[in-house]
C-alpha atoms as a PDB file:
ATOM      1  CA  UNK A   1      49.820  -0.849 -22.564  1.00  0.00           C
ATOM      2  CA  UNK A   2      48.341  -0.194 -25.997  1.00  0.00           C
ATOM      3  CA  UNK A   3      44.804   1.076 -26.283  1.00  0.00           C
ATOM      4  CA  UNK A   4      42.197  -1.656 -26.219  1.00  0.00           C
ATOM      5  CA  UNK A   5      41.335  -3.428 -29.471  1.00  0.00           C
ATOM      6  CA  UNK A   6      38.106  -5.212 -30.272  1.00  0.00           C
ATOM      7  CA  UNK A   7      37.938  -8.807 -31.446  1.00  0.00           C
ATOM      8  CA  UNK A   8      35.180 -10.810 -33.095  1.00  0.00           C
ATOM      9  CA  UNK A   9      35.046 -14.603 -33.213  1.00  0.00           C
ATOM     10  CA  UNK A  10      33.091 -16.222 -36.046  1.00  0.00           C
ATOM     11  CA  UNK A  11      32.001 -19.785 -35.325  1.00  0.00           C
ATOM     12  CA  UNK A  12      32.568 -19.646 -31.588  1.00  0.00           C
ATOM     13  CA  UNK A  13      30.471 -22.646 -30.514  1.00  0.00           C
ATOM     14  CA  UNK A  14      33.313 -25.162 -30.841  1.00  0.00           C
ATOM     15  CA  UNK A  15      35.905 -26.213 -28.289  1.00  0.00           C
ATOM     16  CA  UNK A  16      38.576 -23.910 -29.742  1.00  0.00           C
ATOM     17  CA  UNK A  17      36.210 -20.930 -29.732  1.00  0.00           C
ATOM     18  CA  UNK A  18      35.609 -21.424 -26.014  1.00  0.00           C
ATOM     19  CA  UNK A  19      39.355 -21.557 -25.306  1.00  0.00           C
ATOM     20  CA  UNK A  20      39.904 -18.400 -27.310  1.00  0.00           C
ATOM     21  CA  UNK A  21      37.121 -16.591 -25.426  1.00  0.00           C
ATOM     22  CA  UNK A  22      38.875 -17.497 -22.155  1.00  0.00           C
ATOM     23  CA  UNK A  23      42.186 -16.093 -23.416  1.00  0.00           C
ATOM     24  CA  UNK A  24      40.479 -12.884 -24.591  1.00  0.00           C
ATOM     25  CA  UNK A  25      38.695 -12.542 -21.230  1.00  0.00           C
ATOM     26  CA  UNK A  26      42.101 -12.501 -19.503  1.00  0.00           C
ATOM     27  CA  UNK A  27      43.656 -10.112 -22.032  1.00  0.00           C
ATOM     28  CA  UNK A  28      44.460  -6.553 -20.874  1.00  0.00           C
ATOM     29  CA  UNK A  29      44.129  -5.008 -24.355  1.00  0.00           C
ATOM     30  CA  UNK A  30      41.439  -7.025 -26.137  1.00  0.00           C
ATOM     31  CA  UNK A  31      37.689  -6.770 -25.753  1.00  0.00           C
ATOM     32  CA  UNK A  32      35.147  -9.139 -27.274  1.00  0.00           C
ATOM     33  CA  UNK A  33      33.003  -7.274 -29.814  1.00  0.00           C
ATOM     34  CA  UNK A  34      30.947 -10.273 -30.901  1.00  0.00           C
ATOM     35  CA  UNK A  35      30.926 -14.051 -30.907  1.00  0.00           C
ATOM     36  CA  UNK A  36      28.891 -15.680 -33.624  1.00  0.00           C
ATOM     37  CA  UNK A  37      27.152 -19.038 -33.426  1.00  0.00           C
ATOM     38  CA  UNK A  38      23.957 -20.008 -35.184  1.00  0.00           C
ATOM     39  CA  UNK A  39      23.234 -22.782 -32.663  1.00  0.00           C
ATOM     40  CA  UNK A  40      23.699 -20.547 -29.603  1.00  0.00           C
ATOM     41  CA  UNK A  41      22.254 -17.324 -31.078  1.00  0.00           C
ATOM     42  CA  UNK A  42      20.832 -15.127 -28.321  1.00  0.00           C
ATOM     43  CA  UNK A  43      22.293 -17.100 -25.420  1.00  0.00           C
ATOM     44  CA  UNK A  44      24.725 -15.515 -22.975  1.00  0.00           C
ATOM     45  CA  UNK A  45      28.373 -16.343 -23.559  1.00  0.00           C
ATOM     46  CA  UNK A  46      29.065 -16.649 -19.827  1.00  0.00           C
ATOM     47  CA  UNK A  47      26.487 -19.444 -19.580  1.00  0.00           C
ATOM     48  CA  UNK A  48      28.595 -21.548 -21.950  1.00  0.00           C
ATOM     49  CA  UNK A  49      32.198 -20.485 -21.304  1.00  0.00           C
ATOM     50  CA  UNK A  50      33.588 -20.776 -17.811  1.00  0.00           C
ATOM     51  CA  UNK A  51      36.006 -17.918 -17.197  1.00  0.00           C
ATOM     52  CA  UNK A  52      34.061 -15.326 -19.188  1.00  0.00           C
ATOM     53  CA  UNK A  53      31.876 -12.811 -17.363  1.00  0.00           C
ATOM     54  CA  UNK A  54      29.671 -10.207 -18.986  1.00  0.00           C
ATOM     55  CA  UNK A  55      26.361  -9.713 -20.715  1.00  0.00           C
ATOM     56  CA  UNK A  56      27.603 -10.437 -24.242  1.00  0.00           C
ATOM     57  CA  UNK A  57      25.359 -12.841 -26.137  1.00  0.00           C
ATOM     58  CA  UNK A  58      26.066 -15.045 -29.109  1.00  0.00           C
ATOM     59  CA  UNK A  59      24.846 -13.537 -32.364  1.00  0.00           C
ATOM     60  CA  UNK A  60      24.371 -14.868 -35.867  1.00  0.00           C
ATOM     61  CA  UNK A  61      25.320 -12.188 -38.412  1.00  0.00           C
ATOM     62  CA  UNK A  62      25.305 -12.951 -42.125  1.00  0.00           C
ATOM     63  CA  UNK A  63      28.718 -13.011 -43.824  1.00  0.00           C
ATOM     64  CA  UNK A  64      28.023  -9.682 -45.521  1.00  0.00           C
ATOM     65  CA  UNK A  65      27.311  -8.072 -42.132  1.00  0.00           C
ATOM     66  CA  UNK A  66      30.654  -8.975 -40.571  1.00  0.00           C
ATOM     67  CA  UNK A  67      32.566  -5.962 -41.971  1.00  0.00           C
ATOM     68  CA  UNK A  68      29.940  -3.596 -40.511  1.00  0.00           C
ATOM     69  CA  UNK A  69      30.679  -4.865 -36.976  1.00  0.00           C
ATOM     70  CA  UNK A  70      34.053  -3.074 -37.110  1.00  0.00           C
ATOM     71  CA  UNK A  71      36.173  -5.401 -34.992  1.00  0.00           C
ATOM     72  CA  UNK A  72      39.927  -4.686 -35.132  1.00  0.00           C
ATOM     73  CA  UNK A  73      40.659  -8.432 -35.113  1.00  0.00           C
ATOM     74  CA  UNK A  74      38.484 -11.193 -36.577  1.00  0.00           C
ATOM     75  CA  UNK A  75      39.072 -14.864 -35.830  1.00  0.00           C
ATOM     76  CA  UNK A  76      37.464 -17.375 -38.182  1.00  0.00           C
ATOM     77  CA  UNK A  77      36.843 -20.565 -36.168  1.00  0.00           C
ATOM     78  CA  UNK A  78      34.924 -22.306 -38.928  1.00  0.00           C
ATOM     79  CA  UNK A  79      35.090 -25.767 -40.529  1.00  0.00           C
ATOM     80  CA  UNK A  80      37.413 -26.201 -43.507  1.00  0.00           C
ATOM     81  CA  UNK A  81      35.984 -24.656 -46.667  1.00  0.00           C
ATOM     82  CA  UNK A  82      33.889 -21.997 -44.901  1.00  0.00           C
ATOM     83  CA  UNK A  83      36.376 -19.147 -44.405  1.00  0.00           C
ATOM     84  CA  UNK A  84      36.576 -17.700 -47.905  1.00  0.00           C
ATOM     85  CA  UNK A  85      33.038 -16.290 -47.965  1.00  0.00           C
ATOM     86  CA  UNK A  86      33.862 -14.274 -44.843  1.00  0.00           C
ATOM     87  CA  UNK A  87      37.186 -13.067 -46.224  1.00  0.00           C
ATOM     88  CA  UNK A  88      35.503 -12.093 -49.510  1.00  0.00           C
ATOM     89  CA  UNK A  89      32.943 -10.050 -47.560  1.00  0.00           C
ATOM     90  CA  UNK A  90      35.721  -7.982 -45.951  1.00  0.00           C
ATOM     91  CA  UNK A  91      37.434  -7.518 -49.313  1.00  0.00           C
ATOM     92  CA  UNK A  92      34.174  -6.434 -50.960  1.00  0.00           C
ATOM     93  CA  UNK A  93      33.535  -3.920 -48.164  1.00  0.00           C
ATOM     94  CA  UNK A  94      37.087  -2.530 -48.350  1.00  0.00           C
ATOM     95  CA  UNK A  95      37.697  -3.417 -44.693  1.00  0.00           C
ATOM     96  CA  UNK A  96      41.097  -4.715 -43.599  1.00  0.00           C
ATOM     97  CA  UNK A  97      41.070  -5.947 -40.000  1.00  0.00           C
ATOM     98  CA  UNK A  98      43.560  -8.497 -38.735  1.00  0.00           C
ATOM     99  CA  UNK A  99      42.030 -11.820 -39.812  1.00  0.00           C
ATOM    100  CA  UNK A 100      43.223 -15.070 -38.235  1.00  0.00           C
ATOM    101  CA  UNK A 101      41.864 -18.188 -39.922  1.00  0.00           C
ATOM    102  CA  UNK A 102      41.901 -21.332 -37.802  1.00  0.00           C
ATOM    103  CA  UNK A 103      40.872 -23.628 -40.667  1.00  0.00           C
ATOM    104  CA  UNK A 104      43.098 -25.110 -43.371  1.00  0.00           C
ATOM    105  CA  UNK A 105      41.678 -22.792 -46.040  1.00  0.00           C
ATOM    106  CA  UNK A 106      44.641 -20.383 -46.293  1.00  0.00           C
ATOM    107  CA  UNK A 107      47.532 -22.566 -45.085  1.00  0.00           C
ATOM    108  CA  UNK A 108      48.540 -23.158 -48.707  1.00  0.00           C
ATOM    109  CA  UNK A 109      48.108 -19.526 -49.824  1.00  0.00           C
ATOM    110  CA  UNK A 110      51.396 -17.618 -50.125  1.00  0.00           C
ATOM    111  CA  UNK A 111      49.633 -14.271 -49.714  1.00  0.00           C
ATOM    112  CA  UNK A 112      48.744 -15.217 -46.123  1.00  0.00           C
ATOM    113  CA  UNK A 113      51.304 -15.367 -43.311  1.00  0.00           C
ATOM    114  CA  UNK A 114      51.581 -18.886 -41.890  1.00  0.00           C
ATOM    115  CA  UNK A 115      51.796 -18.303 -38.162  1.00  0.00           C
ATOM    116  CA  UNK A 116      53.791 -20.989 -36.387  1.00  0.00           C
ATOM    117  CA  UNK A 117      55.802 -18.428 -34.409  1.00  0.00           C
ATOM    118  CA  UNK A 118      58.636 -20.693 -33.245  1.00  0.00           C
ATOM    119  CA  UNK A 119      59.434 -21.535 -36.879  1.00  0.00           C
ATOM    120  CA  UNK A 120      58.040 -18.633 -38.951  1.00  0.00           C
ATOM    121  CA  UNK A 121      58.373 -15.598 -36.674  1.00  0.00           C
ATOM    122  CA  UNK A 122      61.233 -14.222 -38.780  1.00  0.00           C
ATOM    123  CA  UNK A 123      59.116 -14.384 -41.956  1.00  0.00           C
ATOM    124  CA  UNK A 124      56.343 -12.116 -40.650  1.00  0.00           C
ATOM    125  CA  UNK A 125      56.249  -8.868 -42.609  1.00  0.00           C
ATOM    126  CA  UNK A 126      53.354  -7.176 -40.870  1.00  0.00           C
ATOM    127  CA  UNK A 127      50.688  -9.179 -42.724  1.00  0.00           C
ATOM    128  CA  UNK A 128      47.163  -8.802 -41.368  1.00  0.00           C
ATOM    129  CA  UNK A 129      45.968 -12.061 -42.936  1.00  0.00           C
ATOM    130  CA  UNK A 130      47.233 -14.906 -40.795  1.00  0.00           C
ATOM    131  CA  UNK A 131      46.712 -18.620 -41.299  1.00  0.00           C
ATOM    132  CA  UNK A 132      46.864 -20.524 -38.016  1.00  0.00           C
ATOM    133  CA  UNK A 133      48.581 -23.931 -38.316  1.00  0.00           C
ATOM    134  CA  UNK A 134      46.868 -27.252 -37.712  1.00  0.00           C
ATOM    135  CA  UNK A 135      47.376 -28.972 -34.358  1.00  0.00           C
ATOM    136  CA  UNK A 136      49.054 -32.107 -35.713  1.00  0.00           C
ATOM    137  CA  UNK A 137      50.996 -30.043 -38.274  1.00  0.00           C
ATOM    138  CA  UNK A 138      52.400 -27.918 -35.429  1.00  0.00           C
ATOM    139  CA  UNK A 139      53.636 -30.979 -33.526  1.00  0.00           C
ATOM    140  CA  UNK A 140      55.088 -32.575 -36.667  1.00  0.00           C
ATOM    141  CA  UNK A 141      56.975 -29.469 -37.756  1.00  0.00           C
ATOM    142  CA  UNK A 142      58.394 -28.819 -34.281  1.00  0.00           C
ATOM    143  CA  UNK A 143      59.557 -32.476 -34.217  1.00  0.00           C
ATOM    144  CA  UNK A 144      61.284 -32.409 -37.603  1.00  0.00           C
ATOM    145  CA  UNK A 145      62.640 -28.854 -38.080  1.00  0.00           C
ATOM    146  CA  UNK A 146      65.865 -29.173 -36.005  1.00  0.00           C
ATOM    147  CA  UNK A 147      66.938 -32.224 -38.060  1.00  0.00           C
ATOM    148  CA  UNK A 148      65.709 -31.086 -41.465  1.00  0.00           C
ATOM    149  CA  UNK A 149      69.226 -30.733 -42.912  1.00  0.00           C
ATOM    150  CA  UNK A 150      70.290 -34.313 -42.056  1.00  0.00           C
ATOM    151  CA  UNK A 151      67.275 -36.327 -43.219  1.00  0.00           C
ATOM    152  CA  UNK A 152      67.853 -39.391 -45.401  1.00  0.00           C
ATOM    153  CA  UNK A 153      64.156 -40.180 -45.979  1.00  0.00           C
ATOM    154  CA  UNK A 154      60.708 -38.660 -45.394  1.00  0.00           C
ATOM    155  CA  UNK A 155      59.867 -38.512 -41.672  1.00  0.00           C
ATOM    156  CA  UNK A 156      57.119 -40.941 -40.670  1.00  0.00           C
ATOM    157  CA  UNK A 157      54.730 -39.598 -38.018  1.00  0.00           C
ATOM    158  CA  UNK A 158      52.286 -41.699 -35.984  1.00  0.00           C
ATOM    159  CA  UNK A 159      49.676 -39.417 -34.396  1.00  0.00           C
ATOM    160  CA  UNK A 160      47.074 -39.973 -31.695  1.00  0.00           C
ATOM    161  CA  UNK A 161      44.635 -37.225 -30.708  1.00  0.00           C
ATOM    162  CA  UNK A 162      41.896 -36.805 -28.163  1.00  0.00           C
ATOM    163  CA  UNK A 163      38.404 -36.668 -29.638  1.00  0.00           C
ATOM    164  CA  UNK A 164      38.016 -32.898 -29.132  1.00  0.00           C
ATOM    165  CA  UNK A 165      40.110 -32.684 -32.315  1.00  0.00           C
ATOM    166  CA  UNK A 166      37.121 -34.079 -34.220  1.00  0.00           C
ATOM    167  CA  UNK A 167      35.034 -30.993 -33.378  1.00  0.00           C
ATOM    168  CA  UNK A 168      31.493 -30.752 -32.044  1.00  0.00           C
ATOM    169  CA  UNK A 169      29.553 -32.088 -35.059  1.00  0.00           C
ATOM    170  CA  UNK A 170      28.631 -35.685 -34.088  1.00  0.00           C
ATOM    171  CA  UNK A 171      30.637 -38.421 -35.818  1.00  0.00           C
ATOM    172  CA  UNK A 172      32.278 -41.764 -35.021  1.00  0.00           C
ATOM    173  CA  UNK A 173      35.495 -39.862 -34.246  1.00  0.00           C
ATOM    174  CA  UNK A 174      33.973 -37.933 -31.328  1.00  0.00           C
ATOM    175  CA  UNK A 175      31.545 -40.559 -30.014  1.00  0.00           C
ATOM    176  CA  UNK A 176      32.875 -41.618 -26.575  1.00  0.00           C
ATOM    177  CA  UNK A 177      30.954 -44.916 -26.772  1.00  0.00           C
ATOM    178  CA  UNK A 178      32.582 -45.953 -30.043  1.00  0.00           C
ATOM    179  CA  UNK A 179      35.995 -44.757 -28.850  1.00  0.00           C
ATOM    180  CA  UNK A 180      35.851 -46.610 -25.531  1.00  0.00           C
ATOM    181  CA  UNK A 181      38.775 -49.080 -25.290  1.00  0.00           C
ATOM    182  CA  UNK A 182      39.503 -48.226 -28.903  1.00  0.00           C
ATOM    183  CA  UNK A 183      41.969 -46.475 -31.197  1.00  0.00           C
ATOM    184  CA  UNK A 184      40.387 -45.261 -34.419  1.00  0.00           C
ATOM    185  CA  UNK A 185      42.627 -44.819 -37.492  1.00  0.00           C
ATOM    186  CA  UNK A 186      41.537 -42.409 -40.244  1.00  0.00           C
ATOM    187  CA  UNK A 187      42.933 -40.500 -43.272  1.00  0.00           C
ATOM    188  CA  UNK A 188      46.034 -42.694 -43.251  1.00  0.00           C
ATOM    189  CA  UNK A 189      47.415 -41.072 -46.409  1.00  0.00           C
ATOM    190  CA  UNK A 190      46.928 -37.563 -47.708  1.00  0.00           C
ATOM    191  CA  UNK A 191      45.630 -36.007 -44.463  1.00  0.00           C
ATOM    192  CA  UNK A 192      45.469 -32.200 -44.711  1.00  0.00           C
ATOM    193  CA  UNK A 193      48.061 -31.870 -41.930  1.00  0.00           C
ATOM    194  CA  UNK A 194      50.415 -34.212 -43.819  1.00  0.00           C
ATOM    195  CA  UNK A 195      50.265 -31.898 -46.834  1.00  0.00           C
ATOM    196  CA  UNK A 196      50.567 -28.828 -44.604  1.00  0.00           C
ATOM    197  CA  UNK A 197      53.625 -30.042 -42.692  1.00  0.00           C
ATOM    198  CA  UNK A 198      55.284 -31.175 -45.936  1.00  0.00           C
ATOM    199  CA  UNK A 199      54.679 -27.806 -47.579  1.00  0.00           C
ATOM    200  CA  UNK A 200      55.978 -25.650 -44.749  1.00  0.00           C
ATOM    201  CA  UNK A 201      58.939 -27.856 -43.811  1.00  0.00           C
ATOM    202  CA  UNK A 202      59.941 -28.181 -47.443  1.00  0.00           C
ATOM    203  CA  UNK A 203      60.399 -31.947 -47.046  1.00  0.00           C
ATOM    204  CA  UNK A 204      57.818 -34.705 -47.580  1.00  0.00           C
ATOM    205  CA  UNK A 205      56.263 -35.963 -44.356  1.00  0.00           C
ATOM    206  CA  UNK A 206      54.224 -39.157 -43.959  1.00  0.00           C
ATOM    207  CA  UNK A 207      51.477 -39.087 -41.329  1.00  0.00           C
ATOM    208  CA  UNK A 208      49.076 -41.666 -39.873  1.00  0.00           C
ATOM    209  CA  UNK A 209      46.484 -40.140 -37.502  1.00  0.00           C
ATOM    210  CA  UNK A 210      44.315 -41.918 -34.931  1.00  0.00           C
ATOM    211  CA  UNK A 211      41.649 -40.824 -32.438  1.00  0.00           C
ATOM    212  CA  UNK A 212      41.759 -42.099 -28.846  1.00  0.00           C
ATOM    213  CA  UNK A 213      39.164 -42.105 -26.022  1.00  0.00           C
ATOM    214  CA  UNK A 214      40.692 -39.145 -24.135  1.00  0.00           C
ATOM    215  CA  UNK A 215      39.197 -35.676 -24.705  1.00  0.00           C
ATOM    216  CA  UNK A 216      42.134 -33.341 -25.297  1.00  0.00           C
ATOM    217  CA  UNK A 217      45.815 -33.489 -26.110  1.00  0.00           C
ATOM    218  CA  UNK A 218      47.720 -35.166 -28.924  1.00  0.00           C
ATOM    219  CA  UNK A 219      50.946 -37.075 -29.276  1.00  0.00           C
ATOM    220  CA  UNK A 220      53.053 -37.466 -32.421  1.00  0.00           C
ATOM    221  CA  UNK A 221      55.805 -40.101 -32.546  1.00  0.00           C
ATOM    222  CA  UNK A 222      58.152 -39.359 -35.445  1.00  0.00           C
ATOM    223  CA  UNK A 223      60.644 -41.780 -37.001  1.00  0.00           C
ATOM    224  CA  UNK A 224      63.581 -39.958 -38.616  1.00  0.00           C
ATOM    225  CA  UNK A 225      66.254 -41.618 -40.766  1.00  0.00           C
ATOM    226  CA  UNK A 226      69.458 -39.586 -40.816  1.00  0.00           C
ATOM    227  CA  UNK A 227      71.963 -39.119 -43.642  1.00  0.00           C
ATOM    228  CA  UNK A 228      74.861 -39.462 -41.202  1.00  0.00           C
ATOM    229  CA  UNK A 229      75.307 -41.001 -37.781  1.00  0.00           C
ATOM    230  CA  UNK A 230      74.632 -38.682 -34.835  1.00  0.00           C
ATOM    231  CA  UNK A 231      75.080 -39.162 -31.111  1.00  0.00           C
ATOM    232  CA  UNK A 232      72.020 -38.783 -28.903  1.00  0.00           C
ATOM    233  CA  UNK A 233      73.547 -35.780 -27.144  1.00  0.00           C
ATOM    234  CA  UNK A 234      74.045 -34.096 -30.539  1.00  0.00           C
ATOM    235  CA  UNK A 235      70.371 -34.591 -31.411  1.00  0.00           C
ATOM    236  CA  UNK A 236      69.257 -33.323 -28.001  1.00  0.00           C
ATOM    237  CA  UNK A 237      71.550 -30.300 -28.359  1.00  0.00           C
ATOM    238  CA  UNK A 238      70.025 -29.465 -31.748  1.00  0.00           C
ATOM    239  CA  UNK A 239      66.538 -29.376 -30.236  1.00  0.00           C
ATOM    240  CA  UNK A 240      67.647 -27.418 -27.168  1.00  0.00           C
ATOM    241  CA  UNK A 241      69.372 -24.863 -29.385  1.00  0.00           C
ATOM    242  CA  UNK A 242      66.409 -24.626 -31.798  1.00  0.00           C
ATOM    243  CA  UNK A 243      63.936 -23.884 -29.015  1.00  0.00           C
ATOM    244  CA  UNK A 244      66.173 -22.063 -26.556  1.00  0.00           C
ATOM    245  CA  UNK A 245      64.196 -19.160 -25.116  1.00  0.00           C
ATOM    246  CA  UNK A 246      60.896 -20.378 -26.560  1.00  0.00           C
ATOM    247  CA  UNK A 247      58.328 -20.139 -23.785  1.00  0.00           C
ATOM    248  CA  UNK A 248      55.848 -22.471 -25.458  1.00  0.00           C
ATOM    249  CA  UNK A 249      58.159 -25.310 -26.524  1.00  0.00           C
ATOM    250  CA  UNK A 250      59.804 -27.417 -23.825  1.00  0.00           C
ATOM    251  CA  UNK A 251      62.531 -29.890 -24.722  1.00  0.00           C
ATOM    252  CA  UNK A 252      63.011 -32.706 -22.226  1.00  0.00           C
ATOM    253  CA  UNK A 253      65.081 -35.859 -22.022  1.00  0.00           C
ATOM    254  CA  UNK A 254      62.347 -38.478 -21.686  1.00  0.00           C
ATOM    255  CA  UNK A 255      59.359 -38.993 -23.984  1.00  0.00           C
ATOM    256  CA  UNK A 256      56.456 -36.728 -22.934  1.00  0.00           C
ATOM    257  CA  UNK A 257      53.056 -38.095 -21.919  1.00  0.00           C
ATOM    258  CA  UNK A 258      49.844 -36.790 -23.411  1.00  0.00           C
ATOM    259  CA  UNK A 259      48.099 -36.973 -20.006  1.00  0.00           C
ATOM    260  CA  UNK A 260      50.451 -34.242 -18.737  1.00  0.00           C
ATOM    261  CA  UNK A 261      49.797 -31.774 -21.545  1.00  0.00           C
ATOM    262  CA  UNK A 262      46.014 -31.358 -21.197  1.00  0.00           C
ATOM    263  CA  UNK A 263      45.210 -27.740 -20.338  1.00  0.00           C
ATOM    264  CA  UNK A 264      48.823 -26.605 -20.862  1.00  0.00           C
ATOM    265  CA  UNK A 265      49.728 -23.902 -23.383  1.00  0.00           C
ATOM    266  CA  UNK A 266      53.114 -25.265 -24.467  1.00  0.00           C
ATOM    267  CA  UNK A 267      54.343 -28.241 -26.505  1.00  0.00           C
ATOM    268  CA  UNK A 268      56.703 -30.830 -25.035  1.00  0.00           C
ATOM    269  CA  UNK A 269      59.298 -32.664 -27.126  1.00  0.00           C
ATOM    270  CA  UNK A 270      61.447 -35.539 -25.908  1.00  0.00           C
ATOM    271  CA  UNK A 271      62.383 -39.195 -26.192  1.00  0.00           C
ATOM    272  CA  UNK A 272      65.225 -38.941 -28.732  1.00  0.00           C
ATOM    273  CA  UNK A 273      65.648 -42.728 -28.903  1.00  0.00           C
ATOM    274  CA  UNK A 274      68.593 -43.598 -31.163  1.00  0.00           C
ATOM    275  CA  UNK A 275      69.264 -46.736 -33.165  1.00  0.00           C
ATOM    276  CA  UNK A 276      72.525 -48.554 -32.496  1.00  0.00           C
ATOM    277  CA  UNK A 277      74.129 -47.150 -35.671  1.00  0.00           C
ATOM    278  CA  UNK A 278      73.115 -43.557 -34.858  1.00  0.00           C
ATOM    279  CA  UNK A 279      71.276 -43.127 -38.160  1.00  0.00           C
ATOM    280  CA  UNK A 280      67.712 -43.303 -36.863  1.00  0.00           C
ATOM    281  CA  UNK A 281      66.062 -41.300 -34.107  1.00  0.00           C
ATOM    282  CA  UNK A 282      62.515 -41.392 -32.733  1.00  0.00           C
ATOM    283  CA  UNK A 283      61.152 -38.098 -31.391  1.00  0.00           C
ATOM    284  CA  UNK A 284      57.925 -37.702 -29.389  1.00  0.00           C
ATOM    285  CA  UNK A 285      55.947 -34.444 -29.213  1.00  0.00           C
ATOM    286  CA  UNK A 286      52.791 -33.653 -27.250  1.00  0.00           C
ATOM    287  CA  UNK A 287      50.571 -30.582 -27.165  1.00  0.00           C
ATOM    288  CA  UNK A 288      47.015 -29.652 -26.270  1.00  0.00           C
ATOM    289  CA  UNK A 289      45.244 -29.594 -29.622  1.00  0.00           C
ATOM    290  CA  UNK A 290      42.835 -26.871 -28.441  1.00  0.00           C
ATOM    291  CA  UNK A 291      45.588 -24.612 -27.036  1.00  0.00           C
ATOM    292  CA  UNK A 292      49.085 -24.661 -28.611  1.00  0.00           C
ATOM    293  CA  UNK A 293      47.387 -26.547 -31.423  1.00  0.00           C
ATOM    294  CA  UNK A 294      44.795 -23.792 -31.961  1.00  0.00           C
ATOM    295  CA  UNK A 295      43.685 -21.020 -29.547  1.00  0.00           C
ATOM    296  CA  UNK A 296      47.019 -20.294 -27.828  1.00  0.00           C
ATOM    297  CA  UNK A 297      48.847 -20.183 -31.142  1.00  0.00           C
ATOM    298  CA  UNK A 298      46.145 -17.848 -32.505  1.00  0.00           C
ATOM    299  CA  UNK A 299      46.701 -15.571 -29.501  1.00  0.00           C
ATOM    300  CA  UNK A 300      50.469 -15.536 -30.168  1.00  0.00           C
ATOM    301  CA  UNK A 301      49.716 -14.394 -33.725  1.00  0.00           C
ATOM    302  CA  UNK A 302      47.098 -11.836 -32.664  1.00  0.00           C
ATOM    303  CA  UNK A 303      49.428 -10.281 -30.085  1.00  0.00           C
ATOM    304  CA  UNK A 304      52.183  -9.842 -32.655  1.00  0.00           C
ATOM    305  CA  UNK A 305      49.757  -8.403 -35.215  1.00  0.00           C
ATOM    306  CA  UNK A 306      48.490  -5.733 -32.791  1.00  0.00           C
ATOM    307  CA  UNK A 307      51.976  -4.853 -31.565  1.00  0.00           C
ATOM    308  CA  UNK A 308      51.987  -6.521 -28.151  1.00  0.00           C
ATOM    309  CA  UNK A 309      54.285  -9.007 -26.453  1.00  0.00           C
ATOM    310  CA  UNK A 310      53.600 -12.362 -28.085  1.00  0.00           C
ATOM    311  CA  UNK A 311      52.692 -14.064 -24.813  1.00  0.00           C
ATOM    312  CA  UNK A 312      50.183 -11.502 -23.489  1.00  0.00           C
ATOM    313  CA  UNK A 313      47.317 -13.276 -21.652  1.00  0.00           C
ATOM    314  CA  UNK A 314      48.855 -16.728 -22.244  1.00  0.00           C
ATOM    315  CA  UNK A 315      49.436 -18.475 -18.891  1.00  0.00           C
ATOM    316  CA  UNK A 316      53.082 -19.579 -18.900  1.00  0.00           C
END
C-alpha cells in the first residue's frame, strides 16, 4: 500500500461532505488533515459524522490560508460559484495538490479533467485538477452513452431527486413539509446538469428535474428516439457491453427503483421499454445522489489521482 496521503475538505458541513468523511475514515491510505465549515467551526467531527472517530475538529480557514495547510488532496464541497477563489489561492501560492471540485464551476473548463470514470477514464492524462460530475448529469450520461451513435433526436430526461440534492441551506426544495405528498418541478429548461450532460455527451439533452419527499436517491427516465429500428435484446446488449466489468454500474432487465438505491455506491440502469416499431426506447437509471452522484465518484477520482485502485475504500 502506498504511503498515507492527507486530504482536506472545504465546505464539509453538507450531506456530501459527511459521506466523503465516512469514505476517508475507511480508507487505508488517506488521512483527514482538515475539514472546514464556518457553521461548525470548533466542533468535533465525530459528533456530526457517524462512522468517523478521532479528535479532529471543524475549522474555518480563510481561502488564502488553505495552501499553507499542505494537504496532498483538497476537495472543494462548496456551492456553485465559490470554488474559484480557493483554486486561485493555490495558484497564487504556487501549490499544486490534487484538487477535486464537487461544484459545477469547472465542468465546462477544458483544462480540468472531467471525472466520470466509466465514460472518461481513458481521457485522464494525470491531471491534478478534477471536476466531479453532477448527480443528475451522471445518470443522464450513463443512460444515453451506449446509444449515442443511433440517436434520431435529443434524448428527453425526466428526473426526480430526493431533497438532499437541494443541499442544507433552507429552501422550498428541501422543506419536508412543503414536499409532503408533492412533486416539485424546477429549472425545467437550461438546468446546469442539462448543459453539462449535453456538453460531455456531445449531443443535446433535454432535462426536466423534480424534487420528491424522499431524502436521498434519484431516478432519471430517458426517452430515446433511434435512427434505425433495434430489438430490445440489442439495446440491452449494448448496455451490458458498455458497462461490462464496471463495479459501480449495474445493468438489469427491469426498471430500477429509487427506494433500492439509497445508501448504495453504484448506479442501476434498466427498463429498456421498446416501442412497437423498435425506434424508441425508454431507459431508467437510479443512483444515490450523495454517493455515486457525488462522494463515491469523488473517491474514484481521488484514488486514481494518487495512484491507487479506483475502488479503494468504496464498499462494493
